[in-house]
């Protein structure tokens, strides 16, 4: 059986989280508020000082953030809450 799970790439998680947040046009403060954390915690996640909780990642997925990309670096890293052209 083929393993379809991509390994987590924790070294780049913060940068990808920041890129996806900016793609969605959120400030650190507004993203943090929407995801249930403070601006300081959001900043710590993006710097790689600490890692997001499962509750945070679940909320991010519900907002359309590409959580697979954030965790693994695999995926489009694009907004998932909008229809793609031609669909």
PDB file of N, CA and C in Angstrom:
ATOM      1  N   UNK A   1       0.833  -1.169   0.000  1.00  0.00           N
ATOM      2  CA  UNK A   1       0.000   0.000   0.000  1.00  0.00           C
ATOM      3  C   UNK A   1       0.885   1.241   0.000  1.00  0.00           C
ATOM      4  N   UNK A   2       0.563   2.204  -0.822  1.00  0.00           N
ATOM      5  CA  UNK A   2       1.330   3.427  -0.938  1.00  0.00           C
ATOM      6  C   UNK A   2       1.020   4.356   0.228  1.00  0.00           C
ATOM      7  N   UNK A   3       2.066   4.948   0.813  1.00  0.00           N
ATOM      8  CA  UNK A   3       1.897   5.915   1.894  1.00  0.00           C
ATOM      9  C   UNK A   3       1.562   7.269   1.282  1.00  0.00           C
ATOM     10  N   UNK A   4       0.362   7.761   1.547  1.00  0.00           N
ATOM     11  CA  UNK A   4      -0.062   9.037   0.967  1.00  0.00           C
ATOM     12  C   UNK A   4       0.124  10.197   1.932  1.00  0.00           C
ATOM     13  N   UNK A   5       0.651   9.936   3.104  1.00  0.00           N
ATOM     14  CA  UNK A   5       0.861  10.982   4.096  1.00  0.00           C
ATOM     15  C   UNK A   5       2.203  11.651   3.857  1.00  0.00           C
ATOM     16  N   UNK A   6       2.183  12.950   3.691  1.00  0.00           N
ATOM     17  CA  UNK A   6       3.425  13.687   3.533  1.00  0.00           C
ATOM     18  C   UNK A   6       4.012  13.956   4.923  1.00  0.00           C
ATOM     19  N   UNK A   7       5.321  13.868   5.068  1.00  0.00           N
ATOM     20  CA  UNK A   7       5.918  14.148   6.373  1.00  0.00           C
ATOM     21  C   UNK A   7       5.809  15.634   6.700  1.00  0.00           C
ATOM     22  N   UNK A   8       5.669  15.932   7.984  1.00  0.00           N
ATOM     23  CA  UNK A   8       5.624  17.321   8.409  1.00  0.00           C
ATOM     24  C   UNK A   8       6.982  17.968   8.175  1.00  0.00           C
ATOM     25  N   UNK A   9       6.974  19.202   7.727  1.00  0.00           N
ATOM     26  CA  UNK A   9       8.194  19.990   7.545  1.00  0.00           C
ATOM     27  C   UNK A   9       8.124  21.142   8.539  1.00  0.00           C
ATOM     28  N   UNK A  10       8.499  20.865   9.787  1.00  0.00           N
ATOM     29  CA  UNK A  10       8.343  21.858  10.836  1.00  0.00           C
ATOM     30  C   UNK A  10       9.293  23.040  10.678  1.00  0.00           C
ATOM     31  N   UNK A  11      10.423  22.830  10.021  1.00  0.00           N
ATOM     32  CA  UNK A  11      11.395  23.909   9.871  1.00  0.00           C
ATOM     33  C   UNK A  11      10.822  25.087   9.088  1.00  0.00           C
ATOM     34  N   UNK A  12       9.984  24.824   8.127  1.00  0.00           N
ATOM     35  CA  UNK A  12       9.431  25.902   7.309  1.00  0.00           C
ATOM     36  C   UNK A  12       8.001  26.265   7.627  1.00  0.00           C
ATOM     37  N   UNK A  13       7.438  25.664   8.678  1.00  0.00           N
ATOM     38  CA  UNK A  13       6.025  25.861   8.999  1.00  0.00           C
ATOM     39  C   UNK A  13       5.686  27.333   9.215  1.00  0.00           C
ATOM     40  N   UNK A  14       6.472  28.042   9.977  1.00  0.00           N
ATOM     41  CA  UNK A  14       6.182  29.441  10.288  1.00  0.00           C
ATOM     42  C   UNK A  14       6.110  30.317   9.048  1.00  0.00           C
ATOM     43  N   UNK A  15       7.062  30.149   8.164  1.00  0.00           N
ATOM     44  CA  UNK A  15       7.079  30.942   6.936  1.00  0.00           C
ATOM     45  C   UNK A  15       5.890  30.639   6.041  1.00  0.00           C
ATOM     46  N   UNK A  16       5.524  29.360   5.973  1.00  0.00           N
ATOM     47  CA  UNK A  16       4.352  29.002   5.159  1.00  0.00           C
ATOM     48  C   UNK A  16       3.069  29.531   5.786  1.00  0.00           C
ATOM     49  N   UNK A  17       2.996  29.482   7.114  1.00  0.00           N
ATOM     50  CA  UNK A  17       1.820  30.021   7.796  1.00  0.00           C
ATOM     51  C   UNK A  17       1.682  31.516   7.504  1.00  0.00           C
ATOM     52  N   UNK A  18       2.779  32.232   7.570  1.00  0.00           N
ATOM     53  CA  UNK A  18       2.762  33.667   7.275  1.00  0.00           C
ATOM     54  C   UNK A  18       2.329  33.913   5.831  1.00  0.00           C
ATOM     55  N   UNK A  19       2.870  33.141   4.899  1.00  0.00           N
ATOM     56  CA  UNK A  19       2.529  33.315   3.484  1.00  0.00           C
ATOM     57  C   UNK A  19       1.036  33.085   3.240  1.00  0.00           C
ATOM     58  N   UNK A  20       0.489  32.044   3.859  1.00  0.00           N
ATOM     59  CA  UNK A  20      -0.939  31.750   3.676  1.00  0.00           C
ATOM     60  C   UNK A  20      -1.791  32.837   4.333  1.00  0.00           C
ATOM     61  N   UNK A  21      -1.373  33.296   5.522  1.00  0.00           N
ATOM     62  CA  UNK A  21      -2.108  34.395   6.182  1.00  0.00           C
ATOM     63  C   UNK A  21      -2.137  35.622   5.291  1.00  0.00           C
ATOM     64  N   UNK A  22      -0.995  35.978   4.725  1.00  0.00           N
ATOM     65  CA  UNK A  22      -0.920  37.156   3.849  1.00  0.00           C
ATOM     66  C   UNK A  22      -1.723  36.952   2.576  1.00  0.00           C
ATOM     67  N   UNK A  23      -1.729  35.738   2.044  1.00  0.00           N
ATOM     68  CA  UNK A  23      -2.526  35.425   0.865  1.00  0.00           C
ATOM     69  C   UNK A  23      -4.007  35.698   1.135  1.00  0.00           C
ATOM     70  N   UNK A  24      -4.431  35.418   2.347  1.00  0.00           N
ATOM     71  CA  UNK A  24      -5.824  35.650   2.737  1.00  0.00           C
ATOM     72  C   UNK A  24      -6.065  37.089   3.188  1.00  0.00           C
ATOM     73  N   UNK A  25      -5.018  37.886   3.161  1.00  0.00           N
ATOM     74  CA  UNK A  25      -5.075  39.312   3.482  1.00  0.00           C
ATOM     75  C   UNK A  25      -5.470  39.598   4.933  1.00  0.00           C
ATOM     76  N   UNK A  26      -4.929  38.797   5.833  1.00  0.00           N
ATOM     77  CA  UNK A  26      -5.118  39.022   7.270  1.00  0.00           C
ATOM     78  C   UNK A  26      -3.851  39.625   7.855  1.00  0.00           C
ATOM     79  N   UNK A  27      -4.020  40.542   8.796  1.00  0.00           N
ATOM     80  CA  UNK A  27      -2.889  40.976   9.614  1.00  0.00           C
ATOM     81  C   UNK A  27      -2.659  39.902  10.670  1.00  0.00           C
ATOM     82  N   UNK A  28      -1.555  39.986  11.376  1.00  0.00           N
ATOM     83  CA  UNK A  28      -1.333  39.025  12.454  1.00  0.00           C
ATOM     84  C   UNK A  28      -2.435  39.142  13.501  1.00  0.00           C
ATOM     85  N   UNK A  29      -2.822  40.372  13.828  1.00  0.00           N
ATOM     86  CA  UNK A  29      -3.847  40.577  14.853  1.00  0.00           C
ATOM     87  C   UNK A  29      -5.208  40.034  14.417  1.00  0.00           C
ATOM     88  N   UNK A  30      -5.590  40.304  13.175  1.00  0.00           N
ATOM     89  CA  UNK A  30      -6.909  39.838  12.726  1.00  0.00           C
ATOM     90  C   UNK A  30      -6.936  38.321  12.528  1.00  0.00           C
ATOM     91  N   UNK A  31      -5.842  37.742  12.042  1.00  0.00           N
ATOM     92  CA  UNK A  31      -5.781  36.286  11.903  1.00  0.00           C
ATOM     93  C   UNK A  31      -5.826  35.640  13.279  1.00  0.00           C
ATOM     94  N   UNK A  32      -5.040  36.160  14.201  1.00  0.00           N
ATOM     95  CA  UNK A  32      -5.027  35.620  15.551  1.00  0.00           C
ATOM     96  C   UNK A  32      -6.405  35.656  16.185  1.00  0.00           C
ATOM     97  N   UNK A  33      -7.087  36.787  16.049  1.00  0.00           N
ATOM     98  CA  UNK A  33      -8.425  36.919  16.632  1.00  0.00           C
ATOM     99  C   UNK A  33      -9.391  35.909  16.011  1.00  0.00           C
ATOM    100  N   UNK A  34      -9.324  35.749  14.700  1.00  0.00           N
ATOM    101  CA  UNK A  34     -10.219  34.814  14.011  1.00  0.00           C
ATOM    102  C   UNK A  34      -9.900  33.362  14.370  1.00  0.00           C
ATOM    103  N   UNK A  35      -8.645  33.104  14.722  1.00  0.00           N
ATOM    104  CA  UNK A  35      -8.202  31.738  14.999  1.00  0.00           C
ATOM    105  C   UNK A  35      -8.087  31.442  16.496  1.00  0.00           C
ATOM    106  N   UNK A  36      -8.486  32.398  17.316  1.00  0.00           N
ATOM    107  CA  UNK A  36      -8.541  32.161  18.752  1.00  0.00           C
ATOM    108  C   UNK A  36      -7.243  32.323  19.514  1.00  0.00           C
ATOM    109  N   UNK A  37      -6.298  33.097  18.948  1.00  0.00           N
ATOM    110  CA  UNK A  37      -5.037  33.358  19.645  1.00  0.00           C
ATOM    111  C   UNK A  37      -4.745  34.861  19.596  1.00  0.00           C
ATOM    112  N   UNK A  38      -3.787  35.290  20.395  1.00  0.00           N
ATOM    113  CA  UNK A  38      -3.391  36.700  20.385  1.00  0.00           C
ATOM    114  C   UNK A  38      -2.464  36.986  19.209  1.00  0.00           C
ATOM    115  N   UNK A  39      -2.241  38.260  18.934  1.00  0.00           N
ATOM    116  CA  UNK A  39      -1.298  38.649  17.892  1.00  0.00           C
ATOM    117  C   UNK A  39       0.101  38.134  18.242  1.00  0.00           C
ATOM    118  N   UNK A  40       0.459  38.176  19.520  1.00  0.00           N
ATOM    119  CA  UNK A  40       1.769  37.697  19.951  1.00  0.00           C
ATOM    120  C   UNK A  40       1.925  36.209  19.674  1.00  0.00           C
ATOM    121  N   UNK A  41       0.898  35.425  19.956  1.00  0.00           N
ATOM    122  CA  UNK A  41       0.960  33.982  19.676  1.00  0.00           C
ATOM    123  C   UNK A  41       1.058  33.729  18.180  1.00  0.00           C
ATOM    124  N   UNK A  42       0.278  34.477  17.389  1.00  0.00           N
ATOM    125  CA  UNK A  42       0.355  34.357  15.931  1.00  0.00           C
ATOM    126  C   UNK A  42       1.777  34.633  15.467  1.00  0.00           C
ATOM    127  N   UNK A  43       2.380  35.669  16.006  1.00  0.00           N
ATOM    128  CA  UNK A  43       3.752  36.026  15.656  1.00  0.00           C
ATOM    129  C   UNK A  43       4.725  34.903  16.034  1.00  0.00           C
ATOM    130  N   UNK A  44       4.537  34.302  17.194  1.00  0.00           N
ATOM    131  CA  UNK A  44       5.411  33.199  17.626  1.00  0.00           C
ATOM    132  C   UNK A  44       5.276  31.997  16.699  1.00  0.00           C
ATOM    133  N   UNK A  45       4.062  31.712  16.247  1.00  0.00           N
ATOM    134  CA  UNK A  45       3.869  30.622  15.292  1.00  0.00           C
ATOM    135  C   UNK A  45       4.636  30.916  14.006  1.00  0.00           C
ATOM    136  N   UNK A  46       4.527  32.145  13.520  1.00  0.00           N
ATOM    137  CA  UNK A  46       5.152  32.509  12.242  1.00  0.00           C
ATOM    138  C   UNK A  46       6.677  32.564  12.330  1.00  0.00           C
ATOM    139  N   UNK A  47       7.205  32.865  13.496  1.00  0.00           N
ATOM    140  CA  UNK A  47       8.671  32.871  13.684  1.00  0.00           C
ATOM    141  C   UNK A  47       9.212  31.478  13.960  1.00  0.00           C
ATOM    142  N   UNK A  48       8.338  30.528  14.251  1.00  0.00           N
ATOM    143  CA  UNK A  48       8.778  29.183  14.574  1.00  0.00           C
ATOM    144  C   UNK A  48       9.186  29.018  16.021  1.00  0.00           C
ATOM    145  N   UNK A  49       8.826  29.985  16.870  1.00  0.00           N
ATOM    146  CA  UNK A  49       9.156  29.893  18.292  1.00  0.00           C
ATOM    147  C   UNK A  49       8.315  28.826  18.991  1.00  0.00           C
ATOM    148  N   UNK A  50       7.118  28.597  18.486  1.00  0.00           N
ATOM    149  CA  UNK A  50       6.218  27.579  19.004  1.00  0.00           C
ATOM    150  C   UNK A  50       5.349  27.099  17.847  1.00  0.00           C
ATOM    151  N   UNK A  51       4.639  26.016  18.045  1.00  0.00           N
ATOM    152  CA  UNK A  51       3.844  25.444  16.958  1.00  0.00           C
ATOM    153  C   UNK A  51       2.357  25.558  17.243  1.00  0.00           C
ATOM    154  N   UNK A  52       1.552  25.718  16.195  1.00  0.00           N
ATOM    155  CA  UNK A  52       0.107  25.842  16.373  1.00  0.00           C
ATOM    156  C   UNK A  52      -0.512  24.578  16.961  1.00  0.00           C
ATOM    157  N   UNK A  53      -1.600  24.788  17.702  1.00  0.00           N
ATOM    158  CA  UNK A  53      -2.345  23.668  18.263  1.00  0.00           C
ATOM    159  C   UNK A  53      -3.254  23.062  17.196  1.00  0.00           C
ATOM    160  N   UNK A  54      -3.769  21.884  17.489  1.00  0.00           N
ATOM    161  CA  UNK A  54      -4.723  21.258  16.568  1.00  0.00           C
ATOM    162  C   UNK A  54      -5.989  22.098  16.437  1.00  0.00           C
ATOM    163  N   UNK A  55      -6.432  22.698  17.531  1.00  0.00           N
ATOM    164  CA  UNK A  55      -7.623  23.557  17.473  1.00  0.00           C
ATOM    165  C   UNK A  55      -7.384  24.738  16.531  1.00  0.00           C
ATOM    166  N   UNK A  56      -6.203  25.319  16.601  1.00  0.00           N
ATOM    167  CA  UNK A  56      -5.839  26.428  15.712  1.00  0.00           C
ATOM    168  C   UNK A  56      -5.847  25.972  14.259  1.00  0.00           C
ATOM    169  N   UNK A  57      -5.206  24.834  13.981  1.00  0.00           N
ATOM    170  CA  UNK A  57      -5.139  24.336  12.609  1.00  0.00           C
ATOM    171  C   UNK A  57      -6.524  23.974  12.075  1.00  0.00           C
ATOM    172  N   UNK A  58      -7.366  23.444  12.921  1.00  0.00           N
ATOM    173  CA  UNK A  58      -8.745  23.138  12.524  1.00  0.00           C
ATOM    174  C   UNK A  58      -9.488  24.415  12.153  1.00  0.00           C
ATOM    175  N   UNK A  59      -9.332  25.459  12.959  1.00  0.00           N
ATOM    176  CA  UNK A  59      -9.968  26.745  12.667  1.00  0.00           C
ATOM    177  C   UNK A  59      -9.407  27.340  11.375  1.00  0.00           C
ATOM    178  N   UNK A  60      -8.090  27.198  11.168  1.00  0.00           N
ATOM    179  CA  UNK A  60      -7.465  27.702   9.947  1.00  0.00           C
ATOM    180  C   UNK A  60      -8.033  26.996   8.718  1.00  0.00           C
ATOM    181  N   UNK A  61      -8.207  25.688   8.823  1.00  0.00           N
ATOM    182  CA  UNK A  61      -8.785  24.928   7.707  1.00  0.00           C
ATOM    183  C   UNK A  61     -10.210  25.396   7.432  1.00  0.00           C
ATOM    184  N   UNK A  62     -10.981  25.657   8.486  1.00  0.00           N
ATOM    185  CA  UNK A  62     -12.356  26.124   8.320  1.00  0.00           C
ATOM    186  C   UNK A  62     -12.408  27.495   7.654  1.00  0.00           C
ATOM    187  N   UNK A  63     -11.342  28.289   7.812  1.00  0.00           N
ATOM    188  CA  UNK A  63     -11.263  29.610   7.174  1.00  0.00           C
ATOM    189  C   UNK A  63     -10.760  29.530   5.742  1.00  0.00           C
ATOM    190  N   UNK A  64     -10.395  28.333   5.291  1.00  0.00           N
ATOM    191  CA  UNK A  64      -9.921  28.175   3.928  1.00  0.00           C
ATOM    192  C   UNK A  64      -8.418  28.158   3.777  1.00  0.00           C
ATOM    193  N   UNK A  65      -7.679  28.146   4.889  1.00  0.00           N
ATOM    194  CA  UNK A  65      -6.228  28.055   4.816  1.00  0.00           C
ATOM    195  C   UNK A  65      -5.848  26.644   4.379  1.00  0.00           C
ATOM    196  N   UNK A  66      -4.835  26.520   3.543  1.00  0.00           N
ATOM    197  CA  UNK A  66      -4.353  25.223   3.071  1.00  0.00           C
ATOM    198  C   UNK A  66      -3.443  24.626   4.147  1.00  0.00           C
ATOM    199  N   UNK A  67      -4.043  23.901   5.091  1.00  0.00           N
ATOM    200  CA  UNK A  67      -3.314  23.372   6.236  1.00  0.00           C
ATOM    201  C   UNK A  67      -2.310  22.294   5.816  1.00  0.00           C
ATOM    202  N   UNK A  68      -2.614  21.521   4.806  1.00  0.00           N
ATOM    203  CA  UNK A  68      -1.648  20.526   4.323  1.00  0.00           C
ATOM    204  C   UNK A  68      -0.365  21.228   3.861  1.00  0.00           C
ATOM    205  N   UNK A  69      -0.518  22.343   3.148  1.00  0.00           N
ATOM    206  CA  UNK A  69       0.646  23.107   2.719  1.00  0.00           C
ATOM    207  C   UNK A  69       1.394  23.684   3.923  1.00  0.00           C
ATOM    208  N   UNK A  70       0.661  24.242   4.874  1.00  0.00           N
ATOM    209  CA  UNK A  70       1.293  24.824   6.056  1.00  0.00           C
ATOM    210  C   UNK A  70       2.133  23.777   6.786  1.00  0.00           C
ATOM    211  N   UNK A  71       1.607  22.583   6.957  1.00  0.00           N
ATOM    212  CA  UNK A  71       2.294  21.542   7.720  1.00  0.00           C
ATOM    213  C   UNK A  71       3.417  20.848   6.963  1.00  0.00           C
ATOM    214  N   UNK A  72       3.234  20.656   5.674  1.00  0.00           N
ATOM    215  CA  UNK A  72       4.176  19.803   4.935  1.00  0.00           C
ATOM    216  C   UNK A  72       4.942  20.512   3.826  1.00  0.00           C
ATOM    217  N   UNK A  73       4.449  21.637   3.379  1.00  0.00           N
ATOM    218  CA  UNK A  73       5.049  22.290   2.223  1.00  0.00           C
ATOM    219  C   UNK A  73       4.554  21.695   0.918  1.00  0.00           C
ATOM    220  N   UNK A  74       3.662  20.718   1.014  1.00  0.00           N
ATOM    221  CA  UNK A  74       3.092  20.065  -0.154  1.00  0.00           C
ATOM    222  C   UNK A  74       1.696  20.605  -0.385  1.00  0.00           C
ATOM    223  N   UNK A  75       1.415  20.966  -1.599  1.00  0.00           N
ATOM    224  CA  UNK A  75       0.110  21.540  -1.917  1.00  0.00           C
ATOM    225  C   UNK A  75       0.308  22.892  -2.560  1.00  0.00           C
ATOM    226  N   UNK A  76      -0.783  23.486  -2.921  1.00  0.00           N
ATOM    227  CA  UNK A  76      -0.719  24.731  -3.664  1.00  0.00           C
ATOM    228  C   UNK A  76      -0.450  25.933  -2.779  1.00  0.00           C
ATOM    229  N   UNK A  77      -0.839  25.858  -1.502  1.00  0.00           N
ATOM    230  CA  UNK A  77      -0.691  27.017  -0.638  1.00  0.00           C
ATOM    231  C   UNK A  77      -1.654  28.120  -1.002  1.00  0.00           C
ATOM    232  N   UNK A  78      -2.662  27.773  -1.754  1.00  0.00           N
ATOM    233  CA  UNK A  78      -3.605  28.784  -2.235  1.00  0.00           C
ATOM    234  C   UNK A  78      -4.849  28.819  -1.372  1.00  0.00           C
ATOM    235  N   UNK A  79      -5.650  29.832  -1.613  1.00  0.00           N
ATOM    236  CA  UNK A  79      -6.924  29.926  -0.907  1.00  0.00           C
ATOM    237  C   UNK A  79      -7.799  28.757  -1.331  1.00  0.00           C
ATOM    238  N   UNK A  80      -8.439  28.131  -0.369  1.00  0.00           N
ATOM    239  CA  UNK A  80      -9.292  26.994  -0.697  1.00  0.00           C
ATOM    240  C   UNK A  80     -10.768  27.329  -0.497  1.00  0.00           C
ATOM    241  N   UNK A  81     -11.049  28.599  -0.202  1.00  0.00           N
ATOM    242  CA  UNK A  81     -12.446  28.986   0.018  1.00  0.00           C
ATOM    243  C   UNK A  81     -13.065  29.610  -1.232  1.00  0.00           C
ATOM    244  N   UNK A  82     -12.316  29.691  -2.307  1.00  0.00           N
ATOM    245  CA  UNK A  82     -12.817  30.275  -3.541  1.00  0.00           C
ATOM    246  C   UNK A  82     -12.832  29.212  -4.633  1.00  0.00           C
ATOM    247  N   UNK A  83     -13.797  29.342  -5.525  1.00  0.00           N
ATOM    248  CA  UNK A  83     -13.820  28.425  -6.669  1.00  0.00           C
ATOM    249  C   UNK A  83     -12.623  28.708  -7.568  1.00  0.00           C
ATOM    250  N   UNK A  84     -12.046  27.673  -8.046  1.00  0.00           N
ATOM    251  CA  UNK A  84     -10.930  27.834  -8.977  1.00  0.00           C
ATOM    252  C   UNK A  84     -11.489  28.093 -10.376  1.00  0.00           C
ATOM    253  N   UNK A  85     -10.741  28.844 -11.194  1.00  0.00           N
ATOM    254  CA  UNK A  85     -11.205  29.116 -12.551  1.00  0.00           C
ATOM    255  C   UNK A  85     -11.509  27.827 -13.310  1.00  0.00           C
ATOM    256  N   UNK A  86     -12.609  27.839 -14.015  1.00  0.00           N
ATOM    257  CA  UNK A  86     -13.003  26.689 -14.827  1.00  0.00           C
ATOM    258  C   UNK A  86     -13.735  25.615 -14.073  1.00  0.00           C
ATOM    259  N   UNK A  87     -14.089  25.871 -12.788  1.00  0.00           N
ATOM    260  CA  UNK A  87     -14.830  24.854 -12.026  1.00  0.00           C
ATOM    261  C   UNK A  87     -16.208  25.362 -11.666  1.00  0.00           C
TER     262      UNK A  87
END
